């Protein structure tokens, strides 16, 4: 896992991300039926779904991640490292 995290940082590809409230609500519904059933954390599933690398979210439970996402990503343009499925 740590090796993949390092590879994500080394890719050095950044992109602009805007997550609308509608997209986020759709993701929340999808999480329960797909990511959650596979044992994926809410924060990691969000990053994968929206192509984001955000190490502030490591270790957050779903409630913490939800509040953080609302504050940082919803309806705002953010420049982040691009997530690659390694």
Protein backbone atom coordinates (compact mmCIF):
# COMPACT_ATOMS: atom_id res chain seq x y z
CA UNK A 1 0.00 0.00 0.00
CA UNK A 2 2.76 2.48 0.87
CA UNK A 3 4.51 1.70 -2.41
CA UNK A 4 1.35 2.58 -4.35
CA UNK A 5 1.04 5.83 -2.38
CA UNK A 6 4.57 6.80 -3.37
CA UNK A 7 3.86 5.94 -7.00
CA UNK A 8 0.78 8.18 -6.89
CA UNK A 9 2.88 11.14 -5.76
CA UNK A 10 5.63 10.45 -8.26
CA UNK A 11 3.20 10.49 -11.18
CA UNK A 12 3.13 14.30 -10.66
CA UNK A 13 0.06 14.70 -12.87
CA UNK A 14 -2.28 17.33 -11.57
CA UNK A 15 -5.75 18.21 -12.73
CA UNK A 16 -8.67 20.43 -11.81
CA UNK A 17 -11.56 18.71 -10.09
CA UNK A 18 -15.04 20.05 -9.40
CA UNK A 19 -17.50 17.77 -7.63
CA UNK A 20 -21.10 18.94 -7.81
CA UNK A 21 -23.54 18.19 -5.02
CA UNK A 22 -25.51 15.98 -7.42
CA UNK A 23 -22.43 13.96 -8.38
CA UNK A 24 -21.55 13.52 -4.73
CA UNK A 25 -25.03 12.32 -3.80
CA UNK A 26 -24.89 9.82 -6.68
CA UNK A 27 -21.49 8.61 -5.44
CA UNK A 28 -22.90 8.12 -1.92
CA UNK A 29 -25.65 5.89 -3.30
CA UNK A 30 -23.15 3.94 -5.43
CA UNK A 31 -20.74 3.53 -2.50
CA UNK A 32 -23.15 1.40 -0.51
CA UNK A 33 -23.79 -1.02 -3.37
CA UNK A 34 -20.30 -1.27 -4.86
CA UNK A 35 -17.28 0.10 -3.00
CA UNK A 36 -18.64 -0.62 0.47
CA UNK A 37 -19.43 -4.23 -0.33
CA UNK A 38 -15.80 -4.69 -1.42
CA UNK A 39 -14.57 -3.31 1.89
CA UNK A 40 -13.26 -0.05 0.42
CA UNK A 41 -13.16 2.91 2.83
CA UNK A 42 -15.47 5.81 2.02
CA UNK A 43 -12.56 8.26 1.66
CA UNK A 44 -10.55 6.01 -0.66
CA UNK A 45 -13.62 5.20 -2.75
CA UNK A 46 -14.30 8.94 -3.15
CA UNK A 47 -10.73 9.53 -4.31
CA UNK A 48 -10.91 6.68 -6.81
CA UNK A 49 -14.31 7.75 -8.15
CA UNK A 50 -13.30 11.37 -8.74
CA UNK A 51 -9.64 10.79 -9.69
CA UNK A 52 -8.21 12.52 -6.63
CA UNK A 53 -5.12 11.88 -4.53
CA UNK A 54 -5.68 13.49 -1.11
CA UNK A 55 -3.57 12.18 1.74
CA UNK A 56 -5.43 14.31 4.28
CA UNK A 57 -8.22 11.75 4.03
CA UNK A 58 -6.12 8.76 5.09
CA UNK A 59 -7.57 7.17 8.20
CA UNK A 60 -10.76 9.23 8.21
CA UNK A 61 -13.94 7.40 9.06
CA UNK A 62 -16.91 7.98 6.76
CA UNK A 63 -18.38 10.81 8.86
CA UNK A 64 -15.08 12.70 8.99
CA UNK A 65 -14.55 12.16 5.27
CA UNK A 66 -18.08 13.38 4.51
CA UNK A 67 -17.51 16.63 6.42
CA UNK A 68 -14.08 17.12 4.81
CA UNK A 69 -15.44 16.49 1.29
CA UNK A 70 -18.27 18.95 1.89
CA UNK A 71 -15.83 21.61 3.05
CA UNK A 72 -13.05 21.06 0.49
CA UNK A 73 -14.52 19.61 -2.70
CA UNK A 74 -18.24 20.22 -3.16
CA UNK A 75 -19.01 22.84 -5.80
CA UNK A 76 -15.44 24.13 -5.71
CA UNK A 77 -12.67 23.84 -8.27
CA UNK A 78 -9.61 22.14 -6.74
CA UNK A 79 -6.27 21.34 -8.35
CA UNK A 80 -5.15 17.92 -7.11
CA UNK A 81 -2.85 15.10 -8.03
CA UNK A 82 -4.60 12.75 -10.42
CA UNK A 83 -5.41 9.29 -9.10
CA UNK A 84 -4.22 6.34 -11.16
CA UNK A 85 -5.40 2.81 -10.44
CA UNK A 86 -2.02 1.09 -10.03
